[in-house]
Amino acid sequence: IALHGQQFFMSIAKFIFSAATMAFMLYLIQQ
């Protein structure tokens, strides 16, 4: 049973990338 397989994991990867980018940029702003 797969939940849209590759498309699903690509979506998760994009969200993780966006969250990591946001965290890194906020760290830089705070410094």
mmCIF file of all heavy atoms, coordinates in Angstrom:
data_MODEL
# 
_entry.id   MODEL 
# 
loop_
_atom_site.group_PDB 
_atom_site.id 
_atom_site.type_symbol 
_atom_site.label_atom_id 
_atom_site.label_alt_id 
_atom_site.label_comp_id 
_atom_site.label_asym_id 
_atom_site.label_entity_id 
_atom_site.label_seq_id 
_atom_site.pdbx_PDB_ins_code 
_atom_site.Cartn_x 
_atom_site.Cartn_y 
_atom_site.Cartn_z 
_atom_site.occupancy 
_atom_site.B_iso_or_equiv 
_atom_site.pdbx_formal_charge 
_atom_site.auth_seq_id 
_atom_site.auth_comp_id 
_atom_site.auth_asym_id 
_atom_site.auth_atom_id 
_atom_site.pdbx_PDB_model_num 
ATOM 1   N N   . ILE A 1 1  ? 0.861  -1.180 0.000  1.00 0.00 ? 1  ILE A N   1 
ATOM 2   C CA  . ILE A 1 1  ? 0.000  0.000  0.000  1.00 0.00 ? 1  ILE A CA  1 
ATOM 3   C C   . ILE A 1 1  ? 0.900  1.233  0.000  1.00 0.00 ? 1  ILE A C   1 
ATOM 4   O O   . ILE A 1 1  ? 1.643  1.471  0.946  1.00 0.00 ? 1  ILE A O   1 
ATOM 5   C CB  . ILE A 1 1  ? -0.919 0.030  1.240  1.00 0.00 ? 1  ILE A CB  1 
ATOM 6   C CG1 . ILE A 1 1  ? -1.786 -1.229 1.269  1.00 0.00 ? 1  ILE A CG1 1 
ATOM 7   C CG2 . ILE A 1 1  ? -1.774 1.284  1.245  1.00 0.00 ? 1  ILE A CG2 1 
ATOM 8   C CD1 . ILE A 1 1  ? -2.522 -1.420 2.570  1.00 0.00 ? 1  ILE A CD1 1 
ATOM 9   N N   . ALA A 1 2  ? 0.833  2.008  -1.068 1.00 0.00 ? 2  ALA A N   1 
ATOM 10  C CA  . ALA A 1 2  ? 1.664  3.216  -1.159 1.00 0.00 ? 2  ALA A CA  1 
ATOM 11  C C   . ALA A 1 2  ? 0.757  4.432  -1.307 1.00 0.00 ? 2  ALA A C   1 
ATOM 12  O O   . ALA A 1 2  ? -0.222 4.398  -2.043 1.00 0.00 ? 2  ALA A O   1 
ATOM 13  C CB  . ALA A 1 2  ? 2.617  3.127  -2.341 1.00 0.00 ? 2  ALA A CB  1 
ATOM 14  N N   . LEU A 1 3  ? 1.078  5.493  -0.612 1.00 0.00 ? 3  LEU A N   1 
ATOM 15  C CA  . LEU A 1 3  ? 0.317  6.736  -0.689 1.00 0.00 ? 3  LEU A CA  1 
ATOM 16  C C   . LEU A 1 3  ? 0.948  7.655  -1.729 1.00 0.00 ? 3  LEU A C   1 
ATOM 17  O O   . LEU A 1 3  ? 1.768  8.501  -1.414 1.00 0.00 ? 3  LEU A O   1 
ATOM 18  C CB  . LEU A 1 3  ? 0.268  7.426  0.677  1.00 0.00 ? 3  LEU A CB  1 
ATOM 19  C CG  . LEU A 1 3  ? -0.313 6.604  1.816  1.00 0.00 ? 3  LEU A CG  1 
ATOM 20  C CD1 . LEU A 1 3  ? -0.186 7.356  3.122  1.00 0.00 ? 3  LEU A CD1 1 
ATOM 21  C CD2 . LEU A 1 3  ? -1.763 6.295  1.528  1.00 0.00 ? 3  LEU A CD2 1 
ATOM 22  N N   . HIS A 1 4  ? 0.605  7.462  -2.954 1.00 0.00 ? 4  HIS A N   1 
ATOM 23  C CA  . HIS A 1 4  ? 1.108  8.235  -4.093 1.00 0.00 ? 4  HIS A CA  1 
ATOM 24  C C   . HIS A 1 4  ? 2.621  8.158  -4.237 1.00 0.00 ? 4  HIS A C   1 
ATOM 25  O O   . HIS A 1 4  ? 3.227  9.028  -4.838 1.00 0.00 ? 4  HIS A O   1 
ATOM 26  C CB  . HIS A 1 4  ? 0.659  9.693  -4.018 1.00 0.00 ? 4  HIS A CB  1 
ATOM 27  C CG  . HIS A 1 4  ? -0.816 9.861  -4.107 1.00 0.00 ? 4  HIS A CG  1 
ATOM 28  N ND1 . HIS A 1 4  ? -1.509 9.691  -5.273 1.00 0.00 ? 4  HIS A ND1 1 
ATOM 29  C CD2 . HIS A 1 4  ? -1.737 10.148 -3.166 1.00 0.00 ? 4  HIS A CD2 1 
ATOM 30  C CE1 . HIS A 1 4  ? -2.795 9.886  -5.052 1.00 0.00 ? 4  HIS A CE1 1 
ATOM 31  N NE2 . HIS A 1 4  ? -2.961 10.162 -3.779 1.00 0.00 ? 4  HIS A NE2 1 
ATOM 32  N N   . GLY A 1 5  ? 3.228  7.161  -3.657 1.00 0.00 ? 5  GLY A N   1 
ATOM 33  C CA  . GLY A 1 5  ? 4.638  6.840  -3.830 1.00 0.00 ? 5  GLY A CA  1 
ATOM 34  C C   . GLY A 1 5  ? 5.590  8.016  -3.915 1.00 0.00 ? 5  GLY A C   1 
ATOM 35  O O   . GLY A 1 5  ? 5.754  8.767  -2.962 1.00 0.00 ? 5  GLY A O   1 
ATOM 36  N N   . GLN A 1 6  ? 6.209  8.164  -5.075 1.00 0.00 ? 6  GLN A N   1 
ATOM 37  C CA  . GLN A 1 6  ? 7.279  9.152  -5.263 1.00 0.00 ? 6  GLN A CA  1 
ATOM 38  C C   . GLN A 1 6  ? 6.770  10.581 -5.100 1.00 0.00 ? 6  GLN A C   1 
ATOM 39  O O   . GLN A 1 6  ? 7.451  11.419 -4.528 1.00 0.00 ? 6  GLN A O   1 
ATOM 40  C CB  . GLN A 1 6  ? 7.918  8.968  -6.632 1.00 0.00 ? 6  GLN A CB  1 
ATOM 41  C CG  . GLN A 1 6  ? 9.141  9.830  -6.837 1.00 0.00 ? 6  GLN A CG  1 
ATOM 42  C CD  . GLN A 1 6  ? 9.789  9.572  -8.186 1.00 0.00 ? 6  GLN A CD  1 
ATOM 43  O OE1 . GLN A 1 6  ? 9.242  8.878  -9.035 1.00 0.00 ? 6  GLN A OE1 1 
ATOM 44  N NE2 . GLN A 1 6  ? 10.954 10.138 -8.390 1.00 0.00 ? 6  GLN A NE2 1 
ATOM 45  N N   . GLN A 1 7  ? 5.576  10.863 -5.583 1.00 0.00 ? 7  GLN A N   1 
ATOM 46  C CA  . GLN A 1 7  ? 5.009  12.206 -5.459 1.00 0.00 ? 7  GLN A CA  1 
ATOM 47  C C   . GLN A 1 7  ? 4.857  12.590 -3.987 1.00 0.00 ? 7  GLN A C   1 
ATOM 48  O O   . GLN A 1 7  ? 5.145  13.716 -3.592 1.00 0.00 ? 7  GLN A O   1 
ATOM 49  C CB  . GLN A 1 7  ? 3.660  12.265 -6.165 1.00 0.00 ? 7  GLN A CB  1 
ATOM 50  C CG  . GLN A 1 7  ? 2.956  13.600 -6.041 1.00 0.00 ? 7  GLN A CG  1 
ATOM 51  C CD  . GLN A 1 7  ? 1.545  13.550 -6.600 1.00 0.00 ? 7  GLN A CD  1 
ATOM 52  O OE1 . GLN A 1 7  ? 1.054  12.507 -7.016 1.00 0.00 ? 7  GLN A OE1 1 
ATOM 53  N NE2 . GLN A 1 7  ? 0.882  14.688 -6.600 1.00 0.00 ? 7  GLN A NE2 1 
ATOM 54  N N   . PHE A 1 8  ? 4.445  11.654 -3.174 1.00 0.00 ? 8  PHE A N   1 
ATOM 55  C CA  . PHE A 1 8  ? 4.258  11.879 -1.745 1.00 0.00 ? 8  PHE A CA  1 
ATOM 56  C C   . PHE A 1 8  ? 5.581  12.239 -1.077 1.00 0.00 ? 8  PHE A C   1 
ATOM 57  O O   . PHE A 1 8  ? 5.681  13.208 -0.332 1.00 0.00 ? 8  PHE A O   1 
ATOM 58  C CB  . PHE A 1 8  ? 3.651  10.622 -1.122 1.00 0.00 ? 8  PHE A CB  1 
ATOM 59  C CG  . PHE A 1 8  ? 3.392  10.734 0.350  1.00 0.00 ? 8  PHE A CG  1 
ATOM 60  C CD1 . PHE A 1 8  ? 2.361  11.503 0.833  1.00 0.00 ? 8  PHE A CD1 1 
ATOM 61  C CD2 . PHE A 1 8  ? 4.196  10.059 1.250  1.00 0.00 ? 8  PHE A CD2 1 
ATOM 62  C CE1 . PHE A 1 8  ? 2.113  11.588 2.189  1.00 0.00 ? 8  PHE A CE1 1 
ATOM 63  C CE2 . PHE A 1 8  ? 3.957  10.140 2.601  1.00 0.00 ? 8  PHE A CE2 1 
ATOM 64  C CZ  . PHE A 1 8  ? 2.914  10.906 3.074  1.00 0.00 ? 8  PHE A CZ  1 
ATOM 65  N N   . PHE A 1 9  ? 6.624  11.443 -1.371 1.00 0.00 ? 9  PHE A N   1 
ATOM 66  C CA  . PHE A 1 9  ? 7.919  11.696 -0.749 1.00 0.00 ? 9  PHE A CA  1 
ATOM 67  C C   . PHE A 1 9  ? 8.578  12.967 -1.284 1.00 0.00 ? 9  PHE A C   1 
ATOM 68  O O   . PHE A 1 9  ? 9.300  13.640 -0.558 1.00 0.00 ? 9  PHE A O   1 
ATOM 69  C CB  . PHE A 1 9  ? 8.833  10.474 -0.900 1.00 0.00 ? 9  PHE A CB  1 
ATOM 70  C CG  . PHE A 1 9  ? 8.445  9.356  0.029  1.00 0.00 ? 9  PHE A CG  1 
ATOM 71  C CD1 . PHE A 1 9  ? 7.803  8.226  -0.455 1.00 0.00 ? 9  PHE A CD1 1 
ATOM 72  C CD2 . PHE A 1 9  ? 8.674  9.454  1.384  1.00 0.00 ? 9  PHE A CD2 1 
ATOM 73  C CE1 . PHE A 1 9  ? 7.423  7.213  0.405  1.00 0.00 ? 9  PHE A CE1 1 
ATOM 74  C CE2 . PHE A 1 9  ? 8.292  8.446  2.253  1.00 0.00 ? 9  PHE A CE2 1 
ATOM 75  C CZ  . PHE A 1 9  ? 7.670  7.324  1.759  1.00 0.00 ? 9  PHE A CZ  1 
ATOM 76  N N   . MET A 1 10 ? 8.325  13.315 -2.541 1.00 0.00 ? 10 MET A N   1 
ATOM 77  C CA  . MET A 1 10 ? 8.848  14.579 -3.074 1.00 0.00 ? 10 MET A CA  1 
ATOM 78  C C   . MET A 1 10 ? 8.203  15.762 -2.354 1.00 0.00 ? 10 MET A C   1 
ATOM 79  O O   . MET A 1 10 ? 8.857  16.752 -2.057 1.00 0.00 ? 10 MET A O   1 
ATOM 80  C CB  . MET A 1 10 ? 8.592  14.677 -4.580 1.00 0.00 ? 10 MET A CB  1 
ATOM 81  C CG  . MET A 1 10 ? 9.594  13.922 -5.417 1.00 0.00 ? 10 MET A CG  1 
ATOM 82  S SD  . MET A 1 10 ? 11.300 14.469 -5.126 1.00 0.00 ? 10 MET A SD  1 
ATOM 83  C CE  . MET A 1 10 ? 11.246 16.129 -5.750 1.00 0.00 ? 10 MET A CE  1 
ATOM 84  N N   . SER A 1 11 ? 6.913  15.642 -2.084 1.00 0.00 ? 11 SER A N   1 
ATOM 85  C CA  . SER A 1 11 ? 6.213  16.695 -1.360 1.00 0.00 ? 11 SER A CA  1 
ATOM 86  C C   . SER A 1 11 ? 6.796  16.866 0.040  1.00 0.00 ? 11 SER A C   1 
ATOM 87  O O   . SER A 1 11 ? 7.052  17.988 0.491  1.00 0.00 ? 11 SER A O   1 
ATOM 88  C CB  . SER A 1 11 ? 4.724  16.365 -1.282 1.00 0.00 ? 11 SER A CB  1 
ATOM 89  O OG  . SER A 1 11 ? 4.030  17.346 -0.571 1.00 0.00 ? 11 SER A OG  1 
ATOM 90  N N   . ILE A 1 12 ? 7.047  15.769 0.726  1.00 0.00 ? 12 ILE A N   1 
ATOM 91  C CA  . ILE A 1 12 ? 7.650  15.825 2.060  1.00 0.00 ? 12 ILE A CA  1 
ATOM 92  C C   . ILE A 1 12 ? 9.046  16.436 1.988  1.00 0.00 ? 12 ILE A C   1 
ATOM 93  O O   . ILE A 1 12 ? 9.409  17.276 2.811  1.00 0.00 ? 12 ILE A O   1 
ATOM 94  C CB  . ILE A 1 12 ? 7.692  14.422 2.696  1.00 0.00 ? 12 ILE A CB  1 
ATOM 95  C CG1 . ILE A 1 12 ? 6.277  13.969 3.041  1.00 0.00 ? 12 ILE A CG1 1 
ATOM 96  C CG2 . ILE A 1 12 ? 8.566  14.408 3.947  1.00 0.00 ? 12 ILE A CG2 1 
ATOM 97  C CD1 . ILE A 1 12 ? 6.186  12.552 3.532  1.00 0.00 ? 12 ILE A CD1 1 
ATOM 98  N N   . ALA A 1 13 ? 9.822  16.045 0.981  1.00 0.00 ? 13 ALA A N   1 
ATOM 99  C CA  . ALA A 1 13 ? 11.178 16.578 0.826  1.00 0.00 ? 13 ALA A CA  1 
ATOM 100 C C   . ALA A 1 13 ? 11.134 18.087 0.619  1.00 0.00 ? 13 ALA A C   1 
ATOM 101 O O   . ALA A 1 13 ? 11.973 18.827 1.155  1.00 0.00 ? 13 ALA A O   1 
ATOM 102 C CB  . ALA A 1 13 ? 11.888 15.892 -0.332 1.00 0.00 ? 13 ALA A CB  1 
ATOM 103 N N   . LYS A 1 14 ? 10.175 18.572 -0.152 1.00 0.00 ? 14 LYS A N   1 
ATOM 104 C CA  . LYS A 1 14 ? 10.051 20.022 -0.385 1.00 0.00 ? 14 LYS A CA  1 
ATOM 105 C C   . LYS A 1 14 ? 9.708  20.759 0.901  1.00 0.00 ? 14 LYS A C   1 
ATOM 106 O O   . LYS A 1 14 ? 10.235 21.840 1.169  1.00 0.00 ? 14 LYS A O   1 
ATOM 107 C CB  . LYS A 1 14 ? 9.002  20.290 -1.459 1.00 0.00 ? 14 LYS A CB  1 
ATOM 108 C CG  . LYS A 1 14 ? 9.457  19.916 -2.849 1.00 0.00 ? 14 LYS A CG  1 
ATOM 109 C CD  . LYS A 1 14 ? 8.370  20.175 -3.866 1.00 0.00 ? 14 LYS A CD  1 
ATOM 110 C CE  . LYS A 1 14 ? 8.810  19.767 -5.261 1.00 0.00 ? 14 LYS A CE  1 
ATOM 111 N NZ  . LYS A 1 14 ? 7.764  20.054 -6.267 1.00 0.00 ? 14 LYS A NZ  1 
ATOM 112 N N   . PHE A 1 15 ? 8.832  20.176 1.709  1.00 0.00 ? 15 PHE A N   1 
ATOM 113 C CA  . PHE A 1 15 ? 8.481  20.817 2.976  1.00 0.00 ? 15 PHE A CA  1 
ATOM 114 C C   . PHE A 1 15 ? 9.666  20.835 3.936  1.00 0.00 ? 15 PHE A C   1 
ATOM 115 O O   . PHE A 1 15 ? 9.892  21.828 4.624  1.00 0.00 ? 15 PHE A O   1 
ATOM 116 C CB  . PHE A 1 15 ? 7.277  20.125 3.626  1.00 0.00 ? 15 PHE A CB  1 
ATOM 117 C CG  . PHE A 1 15 ? 5.988  20.434 2.942  1.00 0.00 ? 15 PHE A CG  1 
ATOM 118 C CD1 . PHE A 1 15 ? 5.257  19.430 2.335  1.00 0.00 ? 15 PHE A CD1 1 
ATOM 119 C CD2 . PHE A 1 15 ? 5.503  21.727 2.884  1.00 0.00 ? 15 PHE A CD2 1 
ATOM 120 C CE1 . PHE A 1 15 ? 4.064  19.712 1.690  1.00 0.00 ? 15 PHE A CE1 1 
ATOM 121 C CE2 . PHE A 1 15 ? 4.316  22.021 2.242  1.00 0.00 ? 15 PHE A CE2 1 
ATOM 122 C CZ  . PHE A 1 15 ? 3.598  21.007 1.643  1.00 0.00 ? 15 PHE A CZ  1 
ATOM 123 N N   . ILE A 1 16 ? 10.410 19.751 3.973  1.00 0.00 ? 16 ILE A N   1 
ATOM 124 C CA  . ILE A 1 16 ? 11.593 19.706 4.837  1.00 0.00 ? 16 ILE A CA  1 
ATOM 125 C C   . ILE A 1 16 ? 12.614 20.736 4.375  1.00 0.00 ? 16 ILE A C   1 
ATOM 126 O O   . ILE A 1 16 ? 13.206 21.456 5.194  1.00 0.00 ? 16 ILE A O   1 
ATOM 127 C CB  . ILE A 1 16 ? 12.196 18.285 4.865  1.00 0.00 ? 16 ILE A CB  1 
ATOM 128 C CG1 . ILE A 1 16 ? 11.266 17.346 5.620  1.00 0.00 ? 16 ILE A CG1 1 
ATOM 129 C CG2 . ILE A 1 16 ? 13.588 18.280 5.488  1.00 0.00 ? 16 ILE A CG2 1 
ATOM 130 C CD1 . ILE A 1 16 ? 11.643 15.888 5.533  1.00 0.00 ? 16 ILE A CD1 1 
ATOM 131 N N   . PHE A 1 17 ? 12.824 20.840 3.064  1.00 0.00 ? 17 PHE A N   1 
ATOM 132 C CA  . PHE A 1 17 ? 13.767 21.826 2.531  1.00 0.00 ? 17 PHE A CA  1 
ATOM 133 C C   . PHE A 1 17 ? 13.323 23.242 2.886  1.00 0.00 ? 17 PHE A C   1 
ATOM 134 O O   . PHE A 1 17 ? 14.137 24.074 3.309  1.00 0.00 ? 17 PHE A O   1 
ATOM 135 C CB  . PHE A 1 17 ? 13.906 21.668 1.015  1.00 0.00 ? 17 PHE A CB  1 
ATOM 136 C CG  . PHE A 1 17 ? 14.832 22.669 0.406  1.00 0.00 ? 17 PHE A CG  1 
ATOM 137 C CD1 . PHE A 1 17 ? 16.203 22.491 0.471  1.00 0.00 ? 17 PHE A CD1 1 
ATOM 138 C CD2 . PHE A 1 17 ? 14.338 23.797 -0.225 1.00 0.00 ? 17 PHE A CD2 1 
ATOM 139 C CE1 . PHE A 1 17 ? 17.072 23.420 -0.068 1.00 0.00 ? 17 PHE A CE1 1 
ATOM 140 C CE2 . PHE A 1 17 ? 15.191 24.737 -0.775 1.00 0.00 ? 17 PHE A CE2 1 
ATOM 141 C CZ  . PHE A 1 17 ? 16.559 24.545 -0.701 1.00 0.00 ? 17 PHE A CZ  1 
ATOM 142 N N   . SER A 1 18 ? 12.038 23.529 2.729  1.00 0.00 ? 18 SER A N   1 
ATOM 143 C CA  . SER A 1 18 ? 11.520 24.865 3.055  1.00 0.00 ? 18 SER A CA  1 
ATOM 144 C C   . SER A 1 18 ? 11.677 25.174 4.540  1.00 0.00 ? 18 SER A C   1 
ATOM 145 O O   . SER A 1 18 ? 12.053 26.286 4.916  1.00 0.00 ? 18 SER A O   1 
ATOM 146 C CB  . SER A 1 18 ? 10.050 24.984 2.663  1.00 0.00 ? 18 SER A CB  1 
ATOM 147 O OG  . SER A 1 18 ? 9.898  24.925 1.279  1.00 0.00 ? 18 SER A OG  1 
ATOM 148 N N   . ALA A 1 19 ? 11.390 24.194 5.386  1.00 0.00 ? 19 ALA A N   1 
ATOM 149 C CA  . ALA A 1 19 ? 11.517 24.408 6.829  1.00 0.00 ? 19 ALA A CA  1 
ATOM 150 C C   . ALA A 1 19 ? 12.977 24.614 7.226  1.00 0.00 ? 19 ALA A C   1 
ATOM 151 O O   . ALA A 1 19 ? 13.285 25.480 8.052  1.00 0.00 ? 19 ALA A O   1 
ATOM 152 C CB  . ALA A 1 19 ? 10.931 23.229 7.583  1.00 0.00 ? 19 ALA A CB  1 
ATOM 153 N N   . ALA A 1 20 ? 13.884 23.844 6.628  1.00 0.00 ? 20 ALA A N   1 
ATOM 154 C CA  . ALA A 1 20 ? 15.310 24.004 6.931  1.00 0.00 ? 20 ALA A CA  1 
ATOM 155 C C   . ALA A 1 20 ? 15.814 25.357 6.448  1.00 0.00 ? 20 ALA A C   1 
ATOM 156 O O   . ALA A 1 20 ? 16.595 26.028 7.140  1.00 0.00 ? 20 ALA A O   1 
ATOM 157 C CB  . ALA A 1 20 ? 16.115 22.871 6.296  1.00 0.00 ? 20 ALA A CB  1 
ATOM 158 N N   . THR A 1 21 ? 15.373 25.773 5.276  1.00 0.00 ? 21 THR A N   1 
ATOM 159 C CA  . THR A 1 21 ? 15.757 27.087 4.746  1.00 0.00 ? 21 THR A CA  1 
ATOM 160 C C   . THR A 1 21 ? 15.267 28.189 5.673  1.00 0.00 ? 21 THR A C   1 
ATOM 161 O O   . THR A 1 21 ? 16.007 29.123 5.995  1.00 0.00 ? 21 THR A O   1 
ATOM 162 C CB  . THR A 1 21 ? 15.173 27.292 3.334  1.00 0.00 ? 21 THR A CB  1 
ATOM 163 O OG1 . THR A 1 21 ? 15.647 26.248 2.490  1.00 0.00 ? 21 THR A OG1 1 
ATOM 164 C CG2 . THR A 1 21 ? 15.561 28.637 2.764  1.00 0.00 ? 21 THR A CG2 1 
ATOM 165 N N   . MET A 1 22 ? 14.015 28.080 6.107  1.00 0.00 ? 22 MET A N   1 
ATOM 166 C CA  . MET A 1 22 ? 13.446 29.077 7.007  1.00 0.00 ? 22 MET A CA  1 
ATOM 167 C C   . MET A 1 22 ? 14.230 29.119 8.318  1.00 0.00 ? 22 MET A C   1 
ATOM 168 O O   . MET A 1 22 ? 14.578 30.200 8.808  1.00 0.00 ? 22 MET A O   1 
ATOM 169 C CB  . MET A 1 22 ? 11.984 28.754 7.293  1.00 0.00 ? 22 MET A CB  1 
ATOM 170 C CG  . MET A 1 22 ? 11.328 29.711 8.275  1.00 0.00 ? 22 MET A CG  1 
ATOM 171 S SD  . MET A 1 22 ? 9.689  29.203 8.793  1.00 0.00 ? 22 MET A SD  1 
ATOM 172 C CE  . MET A 1 22 ? 10.056 27.726 9.722  1.00 0.00 ? 22 MET A CE  1 
ATOM 173 N N   . ALA A 1 23 ? 14.531 27.963 8.891  1.00 0.00 ? 23 ALA A N   1 
ATOM 174 C CA  . ALA A 1 23 ? 15.263 27.921 10.165 1.00 0.00 ? 23 ALA A CA  1 
ATOM 175 C C   . ALA A 1 23 ? 16.647 28.550 10.018 1.00 0.00 ? 23 ALA A C   1 
ATOM 176 O O   . ALA A 1 23 ? 17.073 29.335 10.871 1.00 0.00 ? 23 ALA A O   1 
ATOM 177 C CB  . ALA A 1 23 ? 15.391 26.481 10.649 1.00 0.00 ? 23 ALA A CB  1 
ATOM 178 N N   . PHE A 1 24 ? 17.339 28.227 8.936  1.00 0.00 ? 24 PHE A N   1 
ATOM 179 C CA  . PHE A 1 24 ? 18.670 28.777 8.716  1.00 0.00 ? 24 PHE A CA  1 
ATOM 180 C C   . PHE A 1 24 ? 18.616 30.295 8.539  1.00 0.00 ? 24 PHE A C   1 
ATOM 181 O O   . PHE A 1 24 ? 19.421 31.031 9.134  1.00 0.00 ? 24 PHE A O   1 
ATOM 182 C CB  . PHE A 1 24 ? 19.317 28.119 7.491  1.00 0.00 ? 24 PHE A CB  1 
ATOM 183 C CG  . PHE A 1 24 ? 20.676 28.649 7.175  1.00 0.00 ? 24 PHE A CG  1 
ATOM 184 C CD1 . PHE A 1 24 ? 21.756 28.371 8.002  1.00 0.00 ? 24 PHE A CD1 1 
ATOM 185 C CD2 . PHE A 1 24 ? 20.892 29.439 6.052  1.00 0.00 ? 24 PHE A CD2 1 
ATOM 186 C CE1 . PHE A 1 24 ? 23.016 28.866 7.717  1.00 0.00 ? 24 PHE A CE1 1 
ATOM 187 C CE2 . PHE A 1 24 ? 22.142 29.939 5.760  1.00 0.00 ? 24 PHE A CE2 1 
ATOM 188 C CZ  . PHE A 1 24 ? 23.205 29.654 6.592  1.00 0.00 ? 24 PHE A CZ  1 
ATOM 189 N N   . MET A 1 25 ? 17.674 30.771 7.746  1.00 0.00 ? 25 MET A N   1 
ATOM 190 C CA  . MET A 1 25 ? 17.558 32.215 7.513  1.00 0.00 ? 25 MET A CA  1 
ATOM 191 C C   . MET A 1 25 ? 17.169 32.955 8.804  1.00 0.00 ? 25 MET A C   1 
ATOM 192 O O   . MET A 1 25 ? 17.689 34.031 9.072  1.00 0.00 ? 25 MET A O   1 
ATOM 193 C CB  . MET A 1 25 ? 16.528 32.493 6.408  1.00 0.00 ? 25 MET A CB  1 
ATOM 194 C CG  . MET A 1 25 ? 16.940 31.965 5.050  1.00 0.00 ? 25 MET A CG  1 
ATOM 195 S SD  . MET A 1 25 ? 18.478 32.704 4.442  1.00 0.00 ? 25 MET A SD  1 
ATOM 196 C CE  . MET A 1 25 ? 17.941 34.350 4.120  1.00 0.00 ? 25 MET A CE  1 
ATOM 197 N N   . LEU A 1 26 ? 16.282 32.378 9.596  1.00 0.00 ? 26 LEU A N   1 
ATOM 198 C CA  . LEU A 1 26 ? 15.909 33.011 10.859 1.00 0.00 ? 26 LEU A CA  1 
ATOM 199 C C   . LEU A 1 26 ? 17.087 33.052 11.823 1.00 0.00 ? 26 LEU A C   1 
ATOM 200 O O   . LEU A 1 26 ? 17.266 34.030 12.558 1.00 0.00 ? 26 LEU A O   1 
ATOM 201 C CB  . LEU A 1 26 ? 14.719 32.300 11.502 1.00 0.00 ? 26 LEU A CB  1 
ATOM 202 C CG  . LEU A 1 26 ? 13.385 32.499 10.804 1.00 0.00 ? 26 LEU A CG  1 
ATOM 203 C CD1 . LEU A 1 26 ? 12.301 31.677 11.492 1.00 0.00 ? 26 LEU A CD1 1 
ATOM 204 C CD2 . LEU A 1 26 ? 12.999 33.962 10.749 1.00 0.00 ? 26 LEU A CD2 1 
ATOM 205 N N   . TYR A 1 27 ? 17.896 32.016 11.806 1.00 0.00 ? 27 TYR A N   1 
ATOM 206 C CA  . TYR A 1 27 ? 19.105 32.012 12.633 1.00 0.00 ? 27 TYR A CA  1 
ATOM 207 C C   . TYR A 1 27 ? 20.029 33.149 12.208 1.00 0.00 ? 27 TYR A C   1 
ATOM 208 O O   . TYR A 1 27 ? 20.563 33.879 13.044 1.00 0.00 ? 27 TYR A O   1 
ATOM 209 C CB  . TYR A 1 27 ? 19.815 30.663 12.529 1.00 0.00 ? 27 TYR A CB  1 
ATOM 210 C CG  . TYR A 1 27 ? 21.131 30.640 13.247 1.00 0.00 ? 27 TYR A CG  1 
ATOM 211 C CD1 . TYR A 1 27 ? 21.174 30.514 14.633 1.00 0.00 ? 27 TYR A CD1 1 
ATOM 212 C CD2 . TYR A 1 27 ? 22.328 30.770 12.554 1.00 0.00 ? 27 TYR A CD2 1 
ATOM 213 C CE1 . TYR A 1 27 ? 22.381 30.507 15.305 1.00 0.00 ? 27 TYR A CE1 1 
ATOM 214 C CE2 . TYR A 1 27 ? 23.542 30.760 13.218 1.00 0.00 ? 27 TYR A CE2 1 
ATOM 215 C CZ  . TYR A 1 27 ? 23.568 30.633 14.589 1.00 0.00 ? 27 TYR A CZ  1 
ATOM 216 O OH  . TYR A 1 27 ? 24.760 30.638 15.245 1.00 0.00 ? 27 TYR A OH  1 
ATOM 217 N N   . LEU A 1 28 ? 20.218 33.317 10.904 1.00 0.00 ? 28 LEU A N   1 
ATOM 218 C CA  . LEU A 1 28 ? 21.079 34.396 10.404 1.00 0.00 ? 28 LEU A CA  1 
ATOM 219 C C   . LEU A 1 28 ? 20.519 35.766 10.763 1.00 0.00 ? 28 LEU A C   1 
ATOM 220 O O   . LEU A 1 28 ? 21.267 36.664 11.157 1.00 0.00 ? 28 LEU A O   1 
ATOM 221 C CB  . LEU A 1 28 ? 21.256 34.282 8.892  1.00 0.00 ? 28 LEU A CB  1 
ATOM 222 C CG  . LEU A 1 28 ? 22.070 33.103 8.378  1.00 0.00 ? 28 LEU A CG  1 
ATOM 223 C CD1 . LEU A 1 28 ? 22.116 33.115 6.854  1.00 0.00 ? 28 LEU A CD1 1 
ATOM 224 C CD2 . LEU A 1 28 ? 23.476 33.112 8.963  1.00 0.00 ? 28 LEU A CD2 1 
ATOM 225 N N   . ILE A 1 29 ? 19.205 35.929 10.631 1.00 0.00 ? 29 ILE A N   1 
ATOM 226 C CA  . ILE A 1 29 ? 18.577 37.213 10.978 1.00 0.00 ? 29 ILE A CA  1 
ATOM 227 C C   . ILE A 1 29 ? 18.769 37.504 12.461 1.00 0.00 ? 29 ILE A C   1 
ATOM 228 O O   . ILE A 1 29 ? 19.111 38.623 12.854 1.00 0.00 ? 29 ILE A O   1 
ATOM 229 C CB  . ILE A 1 29 ? 17.079 37.193 10.624 1.00 0.00 ? 29 ILE A CB  1 
ATOM 230 C CG1 . ILE A 1 29 ? 16.892 37.175 9.107  1.00 0.00 ? 29 ILE A CG1 1 
ATOM 231 C CG2 . ILE A 1 29 ? 16.356 38.390 11.234 1.00 0.00 ? 29 ILE A CG2 1 
ATOM 232 C CD1 . ILE A 1 29 ? 15.461 36.904 8.664  1.00 0.00 ? 29 ILE A CD1 1 
ATOM 233 N N   . GLN A 1 30 ? 18.569 36.500 13.294 1.00 0.00 ? 30 GLN A N   1 
ATOM 234 C CA  . GLN A 1 30 ? 18.678 36.688 14.736 1.00 0.00 ? 30 GLN A CA  1 
ATOM 235 C C   . GLN A 1 30 ? 20.106 37.042 15.154 1.00 0.00 ? 30 GLN A C   1 
ATOM 236 O O   . GLN A 1 30 ? 20.310 37.706 16.163 1.00 0.00 ? 30 GLN A O   1 
ATOM 237 C CB  . GLN A 1 30 ? 18.218 35.430 15.458 1.00 0.00 ? 30 GLN A CB  1 
ATOM 238 C CG  . GLN A 1 30 ? 18.087 35.617 16.939 1.00 0.00 ? 30 GLN A CG  1 
ATOM 239 C CD  . GLN A 1 30 ? 17.570 34.361 17.617 1.00 0.00 ? 30 GLN A CD  1 
ATOM 240 O OE1 . GLN A 1 30 ? 17.445 33.303 17.022 1.00 0.00 ? 30 GLN A OE1 1 
ATOM 241 N NE2 . GLN A 1 30 ? 17.261 34.491 18.887 1.00 0.00 ? 30 GLN A NE2 1 
ATOM 242 N N   . GLN A 1 31 ? 21.104 36.618 14.401 1.00 0.00 ? 31 GLN A N   1 
ATOM 243 C CA  . GLN A 1 31 ? 22.497 36.881 14.749 1.00 0.00 ? 31 GLN A CA  1 
ATOM 244 C C   . GLN A 1 31 ? 22.979 38.268 14.323 1.00 0.00 ? 31 GLN A C   1 
ATOM 245 O O   . GLN A 1 31 ? 24.068 38.673 14.690 1.00 0.00 ? 31 GLN A O   1 
ATOM 246 C CB  . GLN A 1 31 ? 23.405 35.816 14.119 1.00 0.00 ? 31 GLN A CB  1 
ATOM 247 C CG  . GLN A 1 31 ? 23.136 34.416 14.617 1.00 0.00 ? 31 GLN A CG  1 
ATOM 248 C CD  . GLN A 1 31 ? 23.269 34.308 16.124 1.00 0.00 ? 31 GLN A CD  1 
ATOM 249 O OE1 . GLN A 1 31 ? 24.232 34.758 16.706 1.00 0.00 ? 31 GLN A OE1 1 
ATOM 250 N NE2 . GLN A 1 31 ? 22.267 33.717 16.757 1.00 0.00 ? 31 GLN A NE2 1 
# 
